[in-house]
Amino acid sequence: MKSIARFRGSRGCGCHELFVDTSAPAERQVVITDDFGQKVEMSLDRLGSLVEAAKTGALDLALTG
């Protein structure tokens, strides 16, 4: 797996990290880990959809409540 980005929190917790694993099946090539040892796996297409939603502001409500 290749680390793409590390997301640091503001509360001194561990970091979330984004990886790409090109050797994994297509639907599981993107891996996001959290500071509790959990992970989410998704396809590159799904990550692209998530990034596009963030760019268009569709996820802003999640940040503001």
N, C-alpha and C. Protein backbone atom coordinates (compact mmCIF):
# COMPACT_ATOMS: atom_id res chain seq x y z
N MET A 1 0.84 -1.19 0.00
CA MET A 1 0.00 0.00 0.00
C MET A 1 0.88 1.24 0.00
N LYS A 2 0.44 2.23 -0.74
CA LYS A 2 1.16 3.50 -0.81
C LYS A 2 0.36 4.57 -0.08
N SER A 3 0.99 5.23 0.86
CA SER A 3 0.35 6.31 1.60
C SER A 3 0.19 7.52 0.68
N ILE A 4 -1.03 8.06 0.62
CA ILE A 4 -1.32 9.21 -0.23
C ILE A 4 -1.45 10.48 0.60
N ALA A 5 -2.10 10.37 1.76
CA ALA A 5 -2.31 11.56 2.60
C ALA A 5 -2.49 11.14 4.04
N ARG A 6 -2.07 12.01 4.95
CA ARG A 6 -2.28 11.81 6.39
C ARG A 6 -3.06 13.02 6.89
N PHE A 7 -4.13 12.75 7.62
CA PHE A 7 -5.01 13.80 8.12
C PHE A 7 -4.85 13.93 9.63
N ARG A 8 -4.32 15.03 10.05
CA ARG A 8 -4.08 15.26 11.48
C ARG A 8 -5.28 15.94 12.11
N GLY A 9 -5.70 15.42 13.25
CA GLY A 9 -6.80 16.02 13.99
C GLY A 9 -6.31 17.15 14.87
N SER A 10 -7.24 17.88 15.43
CA SER A 10 -6.87 19.03 16.27
C SER A 10 -6.87 18.69 17.74
N ARG A 11 -7.21 17.46 18.10
CA ARG A 11 -7.33 17.10 19.52
C ARG A 11 -6.18 16.21 20.01
N GLY A 12 -5.14 16.11 19.24
CA GLY A 12 -4.01 15.31 19.67
C GLY A 12 -4.23 13.81 19.50
N CYS A 13 -5.28 13.44 18.80
CA CYS A 13 -5.54 12.01 18.55
C CYS A 13 -4.61 11.53 17.45
N GLY A 14 -4.66 10.26 17.18
CA GLY A 14 -3.88 9.70 16.09
C GLY A 14 -4.36 10.24 14.76
N CYS A 15 -3.67 9.89 13.73
CA CYS A 15 -3.97 10.41 12.40
C CYS A 15 -4.76 9.40 11.57
N HIS A 16 -5.67 9.92 10.77
CA HIS A 16 -6.31 9.12 9.74
C HIS A 16 -5.38 9.14 8.55
N GLU A 17 -5.38 8.06 7.77
CA GLU A 17 -4.46 8.01 6.64
C GLU A 17 -5.16 7.39 5.44
N LEU A 18 -4.83 7.91 4.26
CA LEU A 18 -5.39 7.43 3.00
C LEU A 18 -4.30 6.69 2.24
N PHE A 19 -4.60 5.46 1.84
CA PHE A 19 -3.67 4.62 1.10
C PHE A 19 -4.31 4.19 -0.22
N VAL A 20 -3.48 3.86 -1.20
CA VAL A 20 -3.93 3.20 -2.42
C VAL A 20 -3.13 1.91 -2.53
N ASP A 21 -3.85 0.81 -2.74
CA ASP A 21 -3.25 -0.53 -2.88
C ASP A 21 -3.64 -1.07 -4.25
N THR A 22 -2.79 -0.87 -5.23
CA THR A 22 -3.10 -1.29 -6.60
C THR A 22 -3.11 -2.80 -6.77
N SER A 23 -2.62 -3.54 -5.79
CA SER A 23 -2.64 -5.00 -5.89
C SER A 23 -3.95 -5.59 -5.36
N ALA A 24 -4.77 -4.77 -4.72
CA ALA A 24 -6.06 -5.24 -4.18
C ALA A 24 -7.10 -5.28 -5.30
N PRO A 25 -8.22 -6.01 -5.08
CA PRO A 25 -9.32 -5.98 -6.05
C PRO A 25 -9.78 -4.53 -6.26
N ALA A 26 -10.28 -4.22 -7.44
CA ALA A 26 -10.63 -2.84 -7.81
C ALA A 26 -11.57 -2.17 -6.81
N GLU A 27 -12.50 -2.91 -6.25
CA GLU A 27 -13.47 -2.33 -5.32
C GLU A 27 -12.89 -2.08 -3.93
N ARG A 28 -11.61 -2.44 -3.71
CA ARG A 28 -11.00 -2.28 -2.39
C ARG A 28 -9.61 -1.63 -2.46
N GLN A 29 -9.32 -0.91 -3.54
CA GLN A 29 -7.98 -0.35 -3.72
C GLN A 29 -7.69 0.87 -2.86
N VAL A 30 -8.70 1.58 -2.44
CA VAL A 30 -8.52 2.75 -1.57
C VAL A 30 -8.79 2.32 -0.14
N VAL A 31 -7.87 2.63 0.75
CA VAL A 31 -8.01 2.26 2.16
C VAL A 31 -7.83 3.51 3.01
N ILE A 32 -8.80 3.78 3.88
CA ILE A 32 -8.69 4.87 4.83
C ILE A 32 -8.66 4.25 6.22
N THR A 33 -7.62 4.54 6.97
CA THR A 33 -7.48 3.99 8.33
C THR A 33 -7.74 5.10 9.35
N ASP A 34 -8.18 4.69 10.54
CA ASP A 34 -8.36 5.67 11.61
C ASP A 34 -7.43 5.34 12.77
N ASP A 35 -7.48 6.17 13.80
CA ASP A 35 -6.56 6.01 14.92
C ASP A 35 -6.99 4.92 15.89
N PHE A 36 -8.09 4.23 15.60
CA PHE A 36 -8.55 3.12 16.43
C PHE A 36 -8.28 1.77 15.78
N GLY A 37 -7.58 1.76 14.65
CA GLY A 37 -7.25 0.53 13.96
C GLY A 37 -8.32 0.05 12.99
N GLN A 38 -9.36 0.85 12.79
CA GLN A 38 -10.41 0.49 11.84
C GLN A 38 -10.03 0.98 10.45
N LYS A 39 -10.69 0.43 9.43
CA LYS A 39 -10.41 0.89 8.07
C LYS A 39 -11.66 0.82 7.22
N VAL A 40 -11.66 1.64 6.20
CA VAL A 40 -12.70 1.65 5.18
C VAL A 40 -12.01 1.37 3.86
N GLU A 41 -12.58 0.49 3.07
CA GLU A 41 -12.03 0.16 1.76
C GLU A 41 -13.06 0.54 0.70
N MET A 42 -12.57 1.11 -0.41
CA MET A 42 -13.48 1.50 -1.49
C MET A 42 -12.71 1.52 -2.81
N SER A 43 -13.45 1.68 -3.89
CA SER A 43 -12.83 1.75 -5.21
C SER A 43 -12.32 3.17 -5.48
N LEU A 44 -11.46 3.29 -6.47
CA LEU A 44 -10.99 4.60 -6.88
C LEU A 44 -12.16 5.45 -7.38
N ASP A 45 -13.13 4.83 -8.06
CA ASP A 45 -14.31 5.56 -8.53
C ASP A 45 -15.10 6.14 -7.35
N ARG A 46 -15.28 5.34 -6.31
CA ARG A 46 -16.02 5.81 -5.13
C ARG A 46 -15.28 6.97 -4.47
N LEU A 47 -13.95 6.87 -4.38
CA LEU A 47 -13.17 7.98 -3.82
C LEU A 47 -13.34 9.22 -4.69
N GLY A 48 -13.34 9.05 -6.00
CA GLY A 48 -13.54 10.18 -6.90
C GLY A 48 -14.87 10.86 -6.67
N SER A 49 -15.92 10.07 -6.43
CA SER A 49 -17.24 10.63 -6.14
C SER A 49 -17.22 11.42 -4.84
N LEU A 50 -16.54 10.89 -3.85
CA LEU A 50 -16.43 11.56 -2.55
C LEU A 50 -15.68 12.89 -2.68
N VAL A 51 -14.59 12.87 -3.43
CA VAL A 51 -13.81 14.09 -3.65
C VAL A 51 -14.65 15.12 -4.41
N GLU A 52 -15.38 14.69 -5.42
CA GLU A 52 -16.23 15.61 -6.18
C GLU A 52 -17.31 16.22 -5.29
N ALA A 53 -17.90 15.41 -4.42
CA ALA A 53 -18.92 15.93 -3.50
C ALA A 53 -18.32 16.97 -2.57
N ALA A 54 -17.10 16.74 -2.12
CA ALA A 54 -16.44 17.72 -1.25
C ALA A 54 -16.15 19.01 -2.01
N LYS A 55 -15.72 18.90 -3.25
CA LYS A 55 -15.41 20.08 -4.05
C LYS A 55 -16.64 20.94 -4.33
N THR A 56 -17.78 20.31 -4.52
CA THR A 56 -19.00 21.06 -4.85
C THR A 56 -19.71 21.61 -3.61
N GLY A 57 -19.21 21.25 -2.43
CA GLY A 57 -19.82 21.75 -1.20
C GLY A 57 -20.92 20.83 -0.66
N ALA A 58 -21.15 19.70 -1.30
CA ALA A 58 -22.22 18.80 -0.87
C ALA A 58 -21.99 18.21 0.52
N LEU A 59 -20.77 18.23 1.01
CA LEU A 59 -20.46 17.68 2.32
C LEU A 59 -20.36 18.75 3.41
N ASP A 60 -20.55 20.01 3.05
CA ASP A 60 -20.41 21.10 4.02
C ASP A 60 -21.35 20.94 5.22
N LEU A 61 -22.56 20.44 5.01
CA LEU A 61 -23.50 20.28 6.10
C LEU A 61 -22.96 19.33 7.17
N ALA A 62 -22.17 18.34 6.77
CA ALA A 62 -21.59 17.41 7.74
C ALA A 62 -20.65 18.13 8.70
N LEU A 63 -20.04 19.20 8.23
CA LEU A 63 -19.09 19.94 9.07
C LEU A 63 -19.76 20.99 9.93
N THR A 64 -20.90 21.48 9.49
CA THR A 64 -21.56 22.54 10.23
C THR A 64 -22.72 22.05 11.10
N GLY A 65 -23.14 20.80 10.87
CA GLY A 65 -24.24 20.23 11.65
C GLY A 65 -25.53 20.70 11.09
